Each structure stands twice: as C-alpha cells, then as structure tokens.
PDB file of all heavy atoms in Angstrom:
ATOM      1  N   VAL A   1     110.002 117.532  83.719  1.00  0.00           N
ATOM      2  CA  VAL A   1     110.725 116.308  84.032  1.00  0.00           C
ATOM      3  C   VAL A   1     109.708 115.303  84.549  1.00  0.00           C
ATOM      4  O   VAL A   1     108.743 115.671  85.218  1.00  0.00           O
ATOM      5  CB  VAL A   1     111.850 116.571  85.067  1.00  0.00           C
ATOM      6  CG1 VAL A   1     111.301 117.116  86.371  1.00  0.00           C
ATOM      7  CG2 VAL A   1     112.669 115.308  85.305  1.00  0.00           C
ATOM      8  N   SER A   2     109.925 114.052  84.202  1.00  0.00           N
ATOM      9  CA  SER A   2     108.975 113.004  84.567  1.00  0.00           C
ATOM     10  C   SER A   2     109.683 111.853  85.273  1.00  0.00           C
ATOM     11  O   SER A   2     110.895 111.674  85.127  1.00  0.00           O
ATOM     12  CB  SER A   2     108.262 112.474  83.322  1.00  0.00           C
ATOM     13  OG  SER A   2     107.498 113.485  82.712  1.00  0.00           O
ATOM     14  N   LEU A   3     108.891 111.104  86.010  1.00  0.00           N
ATOM     15  CA  LEU A   3     109.389 109.903  86.665  1.00  0.00           C
ATOM     16  C   LEU A   3     108.380 108.789  86.417  1.00  0.00           C
ATOM     17  O   LEU A   3     107.270 108.822  86.964  1.00  0.00           O
ATOM     18  CB  LEU A   3     109.577 110.124  88.162  1.00  0.00           C
ATOM     19  CG  LEU A   3     110.223 108.957  88.926  1.00  0.00           C
ATOM     20  CD1 LEU A   3     111.684 108.797  88.512  1.00  0.00           C
ATOM     21  CD2 LEU A   3     110.117 109.171  90.432  1.00  0.00           C
ATOM     22  N   GLN A   4     108.751 107.844  85.579  1.00  0.00           N
ATOM     23  CA  GLN A   4     107.921 106.680  85.324  1.00  0.00           C
ATOM     24  C   GLN A   4     108.245 105.631  86.371  1.00  0.00           C
ATOM     25  O   GLN A   4     109.389 105.199  86.477  1.00  0.00           O
ATOM     26  CB  GLN A   4     108.173 106.140  83.924  1.00  0.00           C
ATOM     27  CG  GLN A   4     107.398 104.872  83.598  1.00  0.00           C
ATOM     28  CD  GLN A   4     105.900 105.103  83.537  1.00  0.00           C
ATOM     29  OE1 GLN A   4     105.439 106.114  83.009  1.00  0.00           O
ATOM     30  NE2 GLN A   4     105.124 104.171  84.084  1.00  0.00           N
ATOM     31  N   MET A   5     107.238 105.231  87.124  1.00  0.00           N
ATOM     32  CA  MET A   5     107.445 104.280  88.217  1.00  0.00           C
ATOM     33  C   MET A   5     106.653 103.012  87.922  1.00  0.00           C
ATOM     34  O   MET A   5     105.424 103.040  87.856  1.00  0.00           O
ATOM     35  CB  MET A   5     106.979 104.896  89.539  1.00  0.00           C
ATOM     36  CG  MET A   5     107.641 106.229  89.844  1.00  0.00           C
ATOM     37  SD  MET A   5     107.207 106.884  91.469  1.00  0.00           S
ATOM     38  CE  MET A   5     105.463 107.193  91.256  1.00  0.00           C
ATOM     39  N   ASN A   6     107.374 101.924  87.711  1.00  0.00           N
ATOM     40  CA  ASN A   6     106.758 100.629  87.428  1.00  0.00           C
ATOM     41  C   ASN A   6     106.980  99.674  88.597  1.00  0.00           C
ATOM     42  O   ASN A   6     107.893  99.858  89.400  1.00  0.00           O
ATOM     43  CB  ASN A   6     107.341 100.032  86.155  1.00  0.00           C
ATOM     44  CG  ASN A   6     107.063 100.874  84.934  1.00  0.00           C
ATOM     45  OD1 ASN A   6     106.047 101.570  84.849  1.00  0.00           O
ATOM     46  ND2 ASN A   6     107.974 100.824  83.977  1.00  0.00           N
ATOM     47  N   ASN A   7     106.157  98.646  88.638  1.00  0.00           N
ATOM     48  CA  ASN A   7     106.280  97.628  89.674  1.00  0.00           C
ATOM     49  C   ASN A   7     106.402  98.256  91.065  1.00  0.00           C
ATOM     50  O   ASN A   7     107.320  97.938  91.839  1.00  0.00           O
ATOM     51  CB  ASN A   7     107.488  96.724  89.390  1.00  0.00           C
ATOM     52  CG  ASN A   7     107.524  95.490  90.256  1.00  0.00           C
ATOM     53  OD1 ASN A   7     106.513  95.063  90.803  1.00  0.00           O
ATOM     54  ND2 ASN A   7     108.709  94.910  90.409  1.00  0.00           N
ATOM     55  N   LEU A   8     105.481  99.124  91.363  1.00  0.00           N
ATOM     56  CA  LEU A   8     105.521  99.841  92.645  1.00  0.00           C
ATOM     57  C   LEU A   8     105.307  98.893  93.811  1.00  0.00           C
ATOM     58  O   LEU A   8     104.574  97.895  93.706  1.00  0.00           O
ATOM     59  CB  LEU A   8     104.464 100.949  92.660  1.00  0.00           C
ATOM     60  CG  LEU A   8     104.853 102.201  91.871  1.00  0.00           C
ATOM     61  CD1 LEU A   8     103.631 103.039  91.542  1.00  0.00           C
ATOM     62  CD2 LEU A   8     105.870 103.020  92.658  1.00  0.00           C
ATOM     63  N   ARG A   9     105.964  99.216  94.911  1.00  0.00           N
ATOM     64  CA  ARG A   9     105.913  98.419  96.127  1.00  0.00           C
ATOM     65  C   ARG A   9     105.412  99.274  97.284  1.00  0.00           C
ATOM     66  O   ARG A   9     105.548 100.505  97.252  1.00  0.00           O
ATOM     67  CB  ARG A   9     107.312  97.892  96.462  1.00  0.00           C
ATOM     68  CG  ARG A   9     107.986  97.120  95.352  1.00  0.00           C
ATOM     69  CD  ARG A   9     109.464  96.949  95.625  1.00  0.00           C
ATOM     70  NE  ARG A   9     110.142  96.216  94.559  1.00  0.00           N
ATOM     71  CZ  ARG A   9     111.479  96.139  94.433  1.00  0.00           C
ATOM     72  NH1 ARG A   9     112.254  96.739  95.323  1.00  0.00           N
ATOM     73  NH2 ARG A   9     112.001  95.452  93.454  1.00  0.00           N
ATOM     74  N   PRO A  10     104.876  98.657  98.317  1.00  0.00           N
ATOM     75  CA  PRO A  10     104.421  99.459  99.476  1.00  0.00           C
ATOM     76  C   PRO A  10     105.525 100.346 100.049  1.00  0.00           C
ATOM     77  O   PRO A  10     105.235 101.456 100.524  1.00  0.00           O
ATOM     78  CB  PRO A  10     103.982  98.385 100.473  1.00  0.00           C
ATOM     79  CG  PRO A  10     103.531  97.249  99.614  1.00  0.00           C
ATOM     80  CD  PRO A  10     104.482  97.252  98.434  1.00  0.00           C
ATOM     81  N   GLU A  11     106.761  99.905  99.987  1.00  0.00           N
ATOM     82  CA  GLU A  11     107.870 100.713 100.524  1.00  0.00           C
ATOM     83  C   GLU A  11     108.187 101.939  99.663  1.00  0.00           C
ATOM     84  O   GLU A  11     108.999 102.772 100.058  1.00  0.00           O
ATOM     85  CB  GLU A  11     109.140  99.872 100.709  1.00  0.00           C
ATOM     86  CG  GLU A  11     109.580  99.105  99.473  1.00  0.00           C
ATOM     87  CD  GLU A  11     109.081  97.669  99.465  1.00  0.00           C
ATOM     88  OE1 GLU A  11     107.915  97.422  99.889  1.00  0.00           O
ATOM     89  OE2 GLU A  11     109.846  96.787  99.004  1.00  0.00           O
ATOM     90  N   ASP A  12     107.543 102.057  98.514  1.00  0.00           N
ATOM     91  CA  ASP A  12     107.689 103.262  97.696  1.00  0.00           C
ATOM     92  C   ASP A  12     106.734 104.360  98.147  1.00  0.00           C
ATOM     93  O   ASP A  12     106.792 105.480  97.631  1.00  0.00           O
ATOM     94  CB  ASP A  12     107.421 102.950  96.219  1.00  0.00           C
ATOM     95  CG  ASP A  12     108.449 102.011  95.615  1.00  0.00           C
ATOM     96  OD1 ASP A  12     109.649 102.192  95.884  1.00  0.00           O
ATOM     97  OD2 ASP A  12     108.038 101.089  94.873  1.00  0.00           O
ATOM     98  N   THR A  13     105.864 104.065  99.095  1.00  0.00           N
ATOM     99  CA  THR A  13     104.928 105.052  99.598  1.00  0.00           C
ATOM    100  C   THR A  13     105.672 106.219 100.231  1.00  0.00           C
ATOM    101  O   THR A  13     106.515 106.034 101.115  1.00  0.00           O
ATOM    102  CB  THR A  13     103.987 104.417 100.638  1.00  0.00           C
ATOM    103  OG1 THR A  13     103.178 103.435  99.995  1.00  0.00           O
ATOM    104  CG2 THR A  13     103.094 105.468 101.288  1.00  0.00           C
ATOM    105  N   ALA A  14     105.392 107.426  99.736  1.00  0.00           N
ATOM    106  CA  ALA A  14     106.091 108.623 100.206  1.00  0.00           C
ATOM    107  C   ALA A  14     105.514 109.846  99.507  1.00  0.00           C
ATOM    108  O   ALA A  14     104.742 109.721  98.550  1.00  0.00           O
ATOM    109  CB  ALA A  14     107.584 108.529  99.894  1.00  0.00           C
ATOM    110  N   VAL A  15     105.929 111.001  99.978  1.00  0.00           N
ATOM    111  CA  VAL A  15     105.709 112.234  99.223  1.00  0.00           C
ATOM    112  C   VAL A  15     106.913 112.404  98.298  1.00  0.00           C
ATOM    113  O   VAL A  15     108.061 112.338  98.761  1.00  0.00           O
ATOM    114  CB  VAL A  15     105.566 113.456 100.154  1.00  0.00           C
ATOM    115  CG1 VAL A  15     105.409 114.724  99.320  1.00  0.00           C
ATOM    116  CG2 VAL A  15     104.378 113.278 101.086  1.00  0.00           C
ATOM    117  N   TYR A  16     106.640 112.581  97.036  1.00  0.00           N
ATOM    118  CA  TYR A  16     107.698 112.713  96.029  1.00  0.00           C
ATOM    119  C   TYR A  16     107.871 114.180  95.663  1.00  0.00           C
ATOM    120  O   TYR A  16     106.890 114.874  95.354  1.00  0.00           O
ATOM    121  CB  TYR A  16     107.345 111.890  94.796  1.00  0.00           C
ATOM    122  CG  TYR A  16     107.602 110.415  95.006  1.00  0.00           C
ATOM    123  CD1 TYR A  16     106.776 109.661  95.833  1.00  0.00           C
ATOM    124  CD2 TYR A  16     108.678 109.773  94.405  1.00  0.00           C
ATOM    125  CE1 TYR A  16     107.018 108.316  96.065  1.00  0.00           C
ATOM    126  CE2 TYR A  16     108.921 108.418  94.617  1.00  0.00           C
ATOM    127  CZ  TYR A  16     108.088 107.710  95.458  1.00  0.00           C
ATOM    128  OH  TYR A  16     108.340 106.380  95.679  1.00  0.00           O
ATOM    129  N   TYR A  17     109.125 114.619  95.683  1.00  0.00           N
ATOM    130  CA  TYR A  17     109.452 116.013  95.439  1.00  0.00           C
ATOM    131  C   TYR A  17     110.306 116.154  94.179  1.00  0.00           C
ATOM    132  O   TYR A  17     111.297 115.432  94.010  1.00  0.00           O
ATOM    133  CB  TYR A  17     110.234 116.598  96.604  1.00  0.00           C
ATOM    134  CG  TYR A  17     109.466 116.666  97.899  1.00  0.00           C
ATOM    135  CD1 TYR A  17     109.493 115.611  98.798  1.00  0.00           C
ATOM    136  CD2 TYR A  17     108.692 117.785  98.216  1.00  0.00           C
ATOM    137  CE1 TYR A  17     108.781 115.656  99.991  1.00  0.00           C
ATOM    138  CE2 TYR A  17     107.978 117.844  99.402  1.00  0.00           C
ATOM    139  CZ  TYR A  17     108.030 116.783 100.283  1.00  0.00           C
ATOM    140  OH  TYR A  17     107.334 116.842 101.451  1.00  0.00           O
ATOM    141  N   CYS A  18     109.932 117.098  93.353  1.00  0.00           N
ATOM    142  CA  CYS A  18     110.747 117.495  92.216  1.00  0.00           C
ATOM    143  C   CYS A  18     111.841 118.433  92.715  1.00  0.00           C
ATOM    144  O   CYS A  18     111.585 119.279  93.606  1.00  0.00           O
ATOM    145  CB  CYS A  18     109.854 118.193  91.196  1.00  0.00           C
ATOM    146  SG  CYS A  18     110.685 118.783  89.718  1.00  0.00           S
ATOM    147  N   ALA A  19     113.052 118.313  92.153  1.00  0.00           N
ATOM    148  CA  ALA A  19     114.175 119.122  92.605  1.00  0.00           C
ATOM    149  C   ALA A  19     114.962 119.642  91.421  1.00  0.00           C
ATOM    150  O   ALA A  19     115.129 118.943  90.423  1.00  0.00           O
ATOM    151  CB  ALA A  19     115.089 118.279  93.503  1.00  0.00           C
ATOM    152  N   ALA A  20     115.449 120.851  91.540  1.00  0.00           N
ATOM    153  CA  ALA A  20     116.271 121.467  90.502  1.00  0.00           C
ATOM    154  C   ALA A  20     117.596 121.911  91.110  1.00  0.00           C
ATOM    155  O   ALA A  20     117.613 122.546  92.168  1.00  0.00           O
ATOM    156  CB  ALA A  20     115.548 122.661  89.897  1.00  0.00           C
ATOM    157  N   LYS A  21     118.679 121.556  90.436  1.00  0.00           N
ATOM    158  CA  LYS A  21     120.022 121.949  90.874  1.00  0.00           C
ATOM    159  C   LYS A  21     120.662 122.763  89.774  1.00  0.00           C
ATOM    160  O   LYS A  21     120.770 122.288  88.634  1.00  0.00           O
ATOM    161  CB  LYS A  21     120.860 120.717  91.192  1.00  0.00           C
ATOM    162  CG  LYS A  21     122.288 121.042  91.636  1.00  0.00           C
ATOM    163  CD  LYS A  21     123.054 119.782  92.007  1.00  0.00           C
ATOM    164  CE  LYS A  21     124.458 120.123  92.456  1.00  0.00           C
ATOM    165  NZ  LYS A  21     125.232 118.904  92.828  1.00  0.00           N
ATOM    166  N   TYR A  22     121.100 123.963  90.096  1.00  0.00           N
ATOM    167  CA  TYR A  22     121.693 124.831  89.083  1.00  0.00           C
ATOM    168  C   TYR A  22     123.000 124.234  88.578  1.00  0.00           C
ATOM    169  O   TYR A  22     123.853 123.803  89.347  1.00  0.00           O
ATOM    170  CB  TYR A  22     121.951 126.221  89.658  1.00  0.00           C
ATOM    171  CG  TYR A  22     122.484 127.176  88.626  1.00  0.00           C
ATOM    172  CD1 TYR A  22     121.627 127.750  87.693  1.00  0.00           C
ATOM    173  CD2 TYR A  22     123.850 127.473  88.551  1.00  0.00           C
ATOM    174  CE1 TYR A  22     122.108 128.598  86.721  1.00  0.00           C
ATOM    175  CE2 TYR A  22     124.331 128.319  87.585  1.00  0.00           C
ATOM    176  CZ  TYR A  22     123.460 128.896  86.665  1.00  0.00           C
ATOM    177  OH  TYR A  22     123.939 129.736  85.698  1.00  0.00           O
ATOM    178  N   GLY A  23     123.142 124.244  87.237  1.00  0.00           N
ATOM    179  CA  GLY A  23     124.363 123.715  86.634  1.00  0.00           C
ATOM    180  C   GLY A  23     124.035 122.535  85.756  1.00  0.00           C
ATOM    181  O   GLY A  23     123.513 121.521  86.222  1.00  0.00           O
ATOM    182  N   ARG A  24     124.338 122.646  84.490  1.00  0.00           N
ATOM    183  CA  ARG A  24     123.915 121.635  83.522  1.00  0.00           C
ATOM    184  C   ARG A  24     124.472 120.257  83.826  1.00  0.00           C
ATOM    185  O   ARG A  24     123.805 119.251  83.614  1.00  0.00           O
ATOM    186  CB  ARG A  24     124.341 122.075  82.121  1.00  0.00           C
ATOM    187  CG  ARG A  24     123.524 123.226  81.580  1.00  0.00           C
ATOM    188  CD  ARG A  24     123.967 123.639  80.193  1.00  0.00           C
ATOM    189  NE  ARG A  24     122.934 124.415  79.539  1.00  0.00           N
ATOM    190  CZ  ARG A  24     123.040 124.889  78.309  1.00  0.00           C
ATOM    191  NH1 ARG A  24     124.129 124.655  77.602  1.00  0.00           N
ATOM    192  NH2 ARG A  24     122.051 125.585  77.784  1.00  0.00           N
ATOM    193  N   GLN A  25     125.720 120.217  84.288  1.00  0.00           N
ATOM    194  CA  GLN A  25     126.332 118.904  84.535  1.00  0.00           C
ATOM    195  C   GLN A  25     126.391 118.568  86.018  1.00  0.00           C
ATOM    196  O   GLN A  25     126.995 117.571  86.398  1.00  0.00           O
ATOM    197  CB  GLN A  25     127.738 118.854  83.932  1.00  0.00           C
ATOM    198  CG  GLN A  25     127.766 119.054  82.429  1.00  0.00           C
ATOM    199  CD  GLN A  25     127.009 117.960  81.675  1.00  0.00           C
ATOM    200  OE1 GLN A  25     126.711 116.895  82.198  1.00  0.00           O
ATOM    201  NE2 GLN A  25     126.685 118.237  80.424  1.00  0.00           N
ATOM    202  N   ASN A  26     125.767 119.396  86.853  1.00  0.00           N
ATOM    203  CA  ASN A  26     125.774 119.129  88.298  1.00  0.00           C
ATOM    204  C   ASN A  26     124.697 118.114  88.630  1.00  0.00           C
ATOM    205  O   ASN A  26     123.682 118.434  89.239  1.00  0.00           O
ATOM    206  CB  ASN A  26     125.552 120.426  89.077  1.00  0.00           C
ATOM    207  CG  ASN A  26     126.733 121.359  88.975  1.00  0.00           C
ATOM    208  OD1 ASN A  26     127.828 120.942  88.659  1.00  0.00           O
ATOM    209  ND2 ASN A  26     126.499 122.622  89.235  1.00  0.00           N
ATOM    210  N   LEU A  27     124.928 116.887  88.256  1.00  0.00           N
ATOM    211  CA  LEU A  27     123.937 115.833  88.406  1.00  0.00           C
ATOM    212  C   LEU A  27     123.595 115.593  89.862  1.00  0.00           C
ATOM    213  O   LEU A  27     124.486 115.515  90.724  1.00  0.00           O
ATOM    214  CB  LEU A  27     124.477 114.546  87.782  1.00  0.00           C
ATOM    215  CG  LEU A  27     123.523 113.363  87.682  1.00  0.00           C
ATOM    216  CD1 LEU A  27     122.421 113.653  86.687  1.00  0.00           C
ATOM    217  CD2 LEU A  27     124.286 112.107  87.293  1.00  0.00           C
ATOM    218  N   LEU A  28     122.329 115.483  90.146  1.00  0.00           N
ATOM    219  CA  LEU A  28     121.881 115.040  91.467  1.00  0.00           C
ATOM    220  C   LEU A  28     122.039 113.529  91.522  1.00  0.00           C
ATOM    221  O   LEU A  28     121.568 112.808  90.639  1.00  0.00           O
ATOM    222  CB  LEU A  28     120.433 115.446  91.694  1.00  0.00           C
ATOM    223  CG  LEU A  28     120.192 116.941  91.938  1.00  0.00           C
ATOM    224  CD1 LEU A  28     118.716 117.291  91.791  1.00  0.00           C
ATOM    225  CD2 LEU A  28     120.708 117.352  93.309  1.00  0.00           C
ATOM    226  N   THR A  29     122.705 113.059  92.571  1.00  0.00           N
ATOM    227  CA  THR A  29     122.971 111.631  92.710  1.00  0.00           C
ATOM    228  C   THR A  29     122.622 111.178  94.120  1.00  0.00           C
ATOM    229  O   THR A  29     122.220 111.988  94.967  1.00  0.00           O
ATOM    230  CB  THR A  29     124.449 111.304  92.446  1.00  0.00           C
ATOM    231  OG1 THR A  29     125.235 111.809  93.539  1.00  0.00           O
ATOM    232  CG2 THR A  29     124.938 111.907  91.149  1.00  0.00           C
ATOM    233  N   ALA A  30     122.825 109.904  94.356  1.00  0.00           N
ATOM    234  CA  ALA A  30     122.564 109.358  95.681  1.00  0.00           C
ATOM    235  C   ALA A  30     123.462 109.991  96.742  1.00  0.00           C
ATOM    236  O   ALA A  30     123.130 109.970  97.925  1.00  0.00           O
ATOM    237  CB  ALA A  30     122.759 107.842  95.660  1.00  0.00           C
ATOM    238  N   ALA A  31     124.585 110.558  96.319  1.00  0.00           N
ATOM    239  CA  ALA A  31     125.500 111.197  97.264  1.00  0.00           C
ATOM    240  C   ALA A  31     125.186 112.666  97.492  1.00  0.00           C
ATOM    241  O   ALA A  31     125.836 113.321  98.296  1.00  0.00           O
ATOM    242  CB  ALA A  31     126.929 111.052  96.755  1.00  0.00           C
ATOM    243  N   SER A  32     124.179 113.176  96.781  1.00  0.00           N
ATOM    244  CA  SER A  32     123.851 114.599  96.889  1.00  0.00           C
ATOM    245  C   SER A  32     123.168 114.902  98.210  1.00  0.00           C
ATOM    246  O   SER A  32     122.252 114.188  98.635  1.00  0.00           O
ATOM    247  CB  SER A  32     122.927 115.010  95.746  1.00  0.00           C
ATOM    248  OG  SER A  32     123.555 114.837  94.495  1.00  0.00           O
ATOM    249  N   GLY A  33     123.622 115.980  98.822  1.00  0.00           N
ATOM    250  CA  GLY A  33     122.943 116.445 100.016  1.00  0.00           C
ATOM    251  C   GLY A  33     121.742 117.298  99.649  1.00  0.00           C
ATOM    252  O   GLY A  33     121.668 117.857  98.556  1.00  0.00           O
ATOM    253  N   LEU A  34     120.790 117.378 100.573  1.00  0.00           N
ATOM    254  CA  LEU A  34     119.594 118.159 100.304  1.00  0.00           C
ATOM    255  C   LEU A  34     119.939 119.628 100.052  1.00  0.00           C
ATOM    256  O   LEU A  34     119.227 120.319  99.310  1.00  0.00           O
ATOM    257  CB  LEU A  34     118.605 118.040 101.460  1.00  0.00           C
ATOM    258  CG  LEU A  34     118.105 116.629 101.781  1.00  0.00           C
ATOM    259  CD1 LEU A  34     117.085 116.678 102.913  1.00  0.00           C
ATOM    260  CD2 LEU A  34     117.511 115.958 100.561  1.00  0.00           C
ATOM    261  N   ASN A  35     121.037 120.098 100.638  1.00  0.00           N
ATOM    262  CA  ASN A  35     121.404 121.505 100.457  1.00  0.00           C
ATOM    263  C   ASN A  35     121.976 121.791  99.079  1.00  0.00           C
ATOM    264  O   ASN A  35     122.249 122.950  98.755  1.00  0.00           O
ATOM    265  CB  ASN A  35     122.390 121.944 101.546  1.00  0.00           C
ATOM    266  CG  ASN A  35     123.664 121.126 101.537  1.00  0.00           C
ATOM    267  OD1 ASN A  35     123.799 120.188 100.761  1.00  0.00           O
ATOM    268  ND2 ASN A  35     124.610 121.489 102.404  1.00  0.00           N
ATOM    269  N   GLU A  36     122.172 120.759  98.273  1.00  0.00           N
ATOM    270  CA  GLU A  36     122.641 120.963  96.901  1.00  0.00           C
ATOM    271  C   GLU A  36     121.492 121.343  95.964  1.00  0.00           C
ATOM    272  O   GLU A  36     121.722 121.803  94.850  1.00  0.00           O
ATOM    273  CB  GLU A  36     123.328 119.708  96.373  1.00  0.00           C
ATOM    274  CG  GLU A  36     124.621 119.369  97.114  1.00  0.00           C
ATOM    275  CD  GLU A  36     125.291 118.138  96.525  1.00  0.00           C
ATOM    276  OE1 GLU A  36     125.273 117.995  95.295  1.00  0.00           O
ATOM    277  OE2 GLU A  36     125.816 117.313  97.295  1.00  0.00           O
TER     278      GLU A  36
END
C-alpha cells in the first residue's frame, strides 16, 4: 500500500504508520479508533 503526498506542509511532519484492519470492507476512516 502506498501514500502519495503532494504539496507537503510543515504541519504534516510526523511519524507515519502503516495499518492493517482485518475485513475486506472494514474501511479505516477518520472515525476509526486505534484499537480497530
């Protein structure tokens, strides 16, 4: 899985983590908790 990041800003500075959630349609969204 890839993340193309354009027009980066200083506020994008962070450690970026790849995440996997079991379930084909169990989309990770802004409402997802870290425990998902």
